[in-house]
Protein backbone atom coordinates (compact mmCIF):
# COMPACT_ATOMS: atom_id res chain seq x y z
CA TYR A 1 55.89 -18.74 -15.50
CA SER A 2 59.33 -17.28 -15.02
CA GLU A 3 60.54 -18.12 -18.44
CA GLN A 4 57.23 -18.25 -20.29
CA PHE A 5 56.05 -14.66 -21.10
CA ASP A 6 53.75 -16.13 -23.88
CA ASN A 7 51.72 -17.90 -21.22
CA ALA A 8 48.47 -16.14 -20.27
CA ALA A 9 49.31 -15.52 -16.91
CA TRP A 10 51.09 -12.67 -18.37
CA SER A 11 49.01 -10.15 -19.62
CA LYS A 12 49.73 -8.30 -22.97
CA THR A 13 49.25 -5.00 -23.85
CA ARG A 14 49.85 -3.86 -27.30
CA THR A 15 53.01 -6.34 -27.38
CA THR A 16 53.42 -9.90 -28.69
CA VAL A 17 55.37 -12.65 -27.37
CA THR A 18 57.62 -14.88 -29.39
CA ALA A 19 58.75 -17.76 -27.43
CA ASN A 20 62.05 -19.09 -26.80
CA ALA A 21 63.64 -17.12 -29.31
CA ILE A 22 67.14 -17.24 -28.66
CA THR A 23 69.68 -19.05 -25.60
CA ALA A 24 68.83 -17.77 -22.27
CA PRO A 25 71.71 -16.99 -19.62
CA ASP A 26 71.28 -20.69 -18.52
CA GLY A 27 72.43 -22.23 -22.14
CA THR A 28 68.78 -23.34 -23.10
CA THR A 29 66.78 -21.86 -25.54
CA THR A 30 63.97 -20.81 -23.75
CA ALA A 31 64.54 -16.88 -23.38
CA ASP A 32 61.31 -14.90 -25.25
CA LYS A 33 61.31 -11.90 -27.35
CA LEU A 34 58.48 -9.15 -26.36
CA VAL A 35 57.70 -7.58 -29.60
CA GLU A 36 55.53 -4.19 -29.90
CA ASP A 37 52.25 -3.89 -32.14
CA THR A 38 51.99 -0.98 -34.38
CA THR A 39 49.39 1.17 -32.22
CA ALA A 40 50.35 4.56 -32.46
CA SER A 41 51.11 6.93 -29.56
CA SER A 42 50.41 4.40 -26.74
CA THR A 43 52.34 1.81 -24.13
CA HIS A 44 53.53 -1.47 -25.00
CA ASN A 45 53.92 -4.11 -22.13
CA THR A 46 53.57 -7.52 -20.96
CA GLY A 47 52.75 -7.73 -16.65
CA ARG A 48 51.06 -9.90 -13.93
CA THR A 49 49.77 -9.57 -10.35
CA ILE A 50 51.66 -11.49 -7.97
CA SER A 51 49.42 -12.00 -4.80
CA GLY A 52 50.35 -13.58 -1.02
CA LEU A 53 53.21 -11.31 -0.19
CA VAL A 54 53.74 -10.19 3.26
CA SER A 55 53.16 -6.48 3.46
CA GLY A 56 55.49 -3.92 4.66
CA VAL A 57 58.53 -6.31 4.20
CA VAL A 58 61.25 -5.69 1.47
CA HIS A 59 60.86 -7.95 -1.38
CA THR A 60 63.63 -8.41 -4.34
CA PHE A 61 62.23 -8.75 -8.41
CA SER A 62 65.00 -9.72 -10.58
CA MET A 63 64.91 -10.73 -14.44
CA PHE A 64 67.14 -11.04 -17.33
CA THR A 65 66.91 -8.65 -20.32
CA LYS A 66 68.91 -8.93 -23.43
CA THR A 67 69.30 -6.22 -26.27
CA ALA A 68 67.29 -6.54 -29.39
CA GLU A 69 65.87 -3.64 -31.58
CA TYR A 70 65.80 -1.73 -28.22
CA SER A 71 68.35 -1.41 -25.58
CA SER A 72 66.34 -0.55 -22.77
CA SER A 73 63.18 -1.30 -21.05
CA PHE A 74 60.65 0.16 -18.20
CA ILE A 75 59.93 -2.02 -15.57
CA LYS A 76 57.02 -0.68 -13.22
CA LEU A 77 56.28 -2.36 -10.12
CA SER A 78 53.05 -1.06 -8.35
CA SER A 79 50.32 -1.75 -5.64
CA GLY A 80 47.55 1.15 -6.18
CA ALA A 81 49.51 4.35 -5.70
CA ASP A 82 52.56 3.07 -4.42
CA VAL A 83 55.16 2.61 -7.19
CA VAL A 84 58.74 1.63 -7.72
CA GLN A 85 59.26 2.49 -11.50
CA GLY A 86 61.99 3.12 -13.62
CA LEU A 87 64.34 2.68 -16.84
CA VAL A 88 66.48 -0.54 -16.85
CA TYR A 89 68.74 -0.72 -19.63
CA SER A 90 69.80 -3.90 -21.46
CA ASP A 91 73.22 -2.23 -22.31
CA GLY A 92 74.58 -2.51 -18.77
CA THR A 93 73.86 1.29 -18.02
CA SER A 94 72.84 1.46 -14.45
CA PRO A 95 69.07 1.54 -13.89
CA ALA A 96 67.13 4.56 -13.15
CA LEU A 97 64.76 3.94 -10.81
CA SER A 98 62.31 5.81 -8.33
CA ALA A 99 59.57 5.34 -5.88
CA THR A 100 56.25 7.24 -5.25
CA GLY A 101 53.86 7.09 -2.38
CA ALA A 102 54.27 4.60 0.52
CA ALA A 103 56.71 2.26 -1.77
CA THR A 104 60.60 2.40 -0.80
CA LEU A 105 63.27 1.24 -3.01
CA SER A 106 65.97 -0.40 -1.10
CA ALA A 107 68.48 -1.01 -3.80
CA SER A 108 68.87 -1.62 -7.92
CA VAL A 109 71.44 -3.08 -9.60
CA SER A 110 72.35 -4.64 -13.25
CA GLU A 111 74.62 -7.14 -13.58
CA ASN A 112 76.47 -8.59 -16.76
CA VAL A 113 76.14 -11.90 -16.88
CA GLY A 114 77.77 -12.77 -20.24
CA ASP A 115 76.84 -13.03 -24.21
CA GLY A 116 74.54 -9.35 -24.19
CA TRP A 117 72.59 -10.79 -21.03
CA TYR A 118 71.78 -8.37 -17.92
CA HIS A 119 70.42 -9.37 -14.38
CA HIS A 120 68.55 -6.48 -13.34
CA LYS A 121 67.62 -6.50 -9.26
CA ILE A 122 65.20 -4.44 -7.61
CA SER A 123 64.86 -4.53 -3.71
CA ILE A 124 61.65 -2.99 -2.70
CA THR A 125 59.12 -2.29 0.24
CA ILE A 126 55.32 -1.89 -0.74
CA PRO A 127 52.60 -1.83 2.15
CA SER A 128 50.44 -4.14 0.39
CA THR A 129 49.76 -8.17 -0.18
CA SER A 130 50.05 -8.40 -3.69
CA ILE A 131 52.05 -6.13 -6.56
CA ILE A 132 51.77 -5.57 -10.07
CA VAL A 133 54.83 -6.42 -11.95
CA GLN A 134 55.22 -4.55 -15.58
CA VAL A 135 57.61 -4.71 -18.31
CA PHE A 136 57.10 -1.67 -21.02
CA LEU A 137 59.37 -1.46 -24.10
CA PHE A 138 60.93 1.69 -24.59
CA GLY A 139 60.80 3.52 -27.91
CA GLY A 140 62.61 6.31 -26.81
CA SER A 141 59.23 7.01 -24.11
CA THR A 142 57.05 4.83 -22.76
CA SER A 143 54.09 5.79 -24.93
CA TYR A 144 55.18 5.90 -28.70
CA THR A 145 54.00 4.50 -32.23
CA GLY A 146 55.53 0.55 -32.53
CA ASP A 147 56.57 -0.55 -35.83
CA GLY A 148 55.78 -4.34 -35.16
CA THR A 149 58.92 -5.83 -35.23
CA SER A 150 61.02 -3.88 -32.52
CA GLY A 151 61.49 -5.34 -28.92
CA ILE A 152 63.88 -6.82 -26.25
CA TYR A 153 64.42 -10.11 -24.84
CA LEU A 154 63.11 -11.84 -21.43
CA TRP A 155 64.20 -14.43 -19.24
CA GLY A 156 63.66 -15.35 -15.67
CA ALA A 157 61.36 -13.11 -14.10
CA GLN A 158 61.60 -13.78 -10.22
CA LEU A 159 59.90 -12.03 -6.95
CA GLU A 160 60.80 -13.04 -3.49
CA GLU A 161 60.71 -12.10 -0.07
CA GLY A 162 64.18 -10.40 1.30
CA SER A 163 66.66 -7.55 0.35
CA PHE A 164 68.68 -9.53 -2.45
CA PRO A 165 67.82 -12.03 -4.97
CA THR A 166 68.73 -15.49 -4.56
CA SER A 167 70.02 -17.58 -7.74
CA TYR A 168 67.32 -18.14 -10.34
CA ILE A 169 64.88 -20.89 -9.90
CA LYS A 170 62.53 -21.73 -12.54
CA THR A 171 58.56 -21.55 -11.88
CA GLU A 172 55.41 -22.48 -13.64
CA ALA A 173 51.64 -22.19 -12.57
CA SER A 174 52.86 -21.73 -8.53
CA GLN A 175 55.50 -20.49 -6.56
CA VAL A 176 58.64 -22.75 -5.95
CA THR A 177 60.63 -23.27 -2.33
CA ARG A 178 64.02 -24.87 -2.45
CA SER A 179 66.68 -25.49 -0.19
CA ALA A 180 68.91 -22.46 0.86
CA ASP A 181 72.26 -22.06 -1.70
CA ASN A 182 75.16 -23.66 -0.34
CA LEU A 183 78.83 -22.87 -1.22
CA SER A 184 81.56 -25.44 -0.78
CA ILE A 185 85.45 -24.85 -1.42
CA THR A 186 87.80 -28.06 -1.55
CA GLY A 187 91.61 -28.12 -1.22
CA THR A 188 94.24 -26.83 0.64
CA ASN A 189 94.10 -22.96 -0.70
């Protein structure tokens, strides 16, 4: 459910999701808006557990975000005490990430893909066969009082084995395998 954050596969903690709220980076109206509720002094997030991973190897998580009322979110990738977490800015500022426990942060980058969208890429090693992926709204901190309307836009969550993200592939209900990306250039130059 890489585009369907409203799906029950994504848990919601003091948040709601408005499905198909705006145009996604691929030109379809499939990007969702993660919206905080009005709970005081608490976290507001969506997340899910992904199992069946190969432990001890590099995996790359990537996702697109766009500023709505907030210009940043907080991404947390965890497996028990092994955590990679940090701010990911939807305005293009470099992500501020850190790793704890046995988690190893290999690389992170945010790339402007146009129309206010940024593609965030985080390469990590966590010694486990499962990982919890969470996206927190960041209202000045991770724990705050929500207003019931503010949030950010999300699209294209993807976790894959390897030290860099491949081109985005939509998933629903289960993982998807596809042929390798191939580049061809025609002409004499």
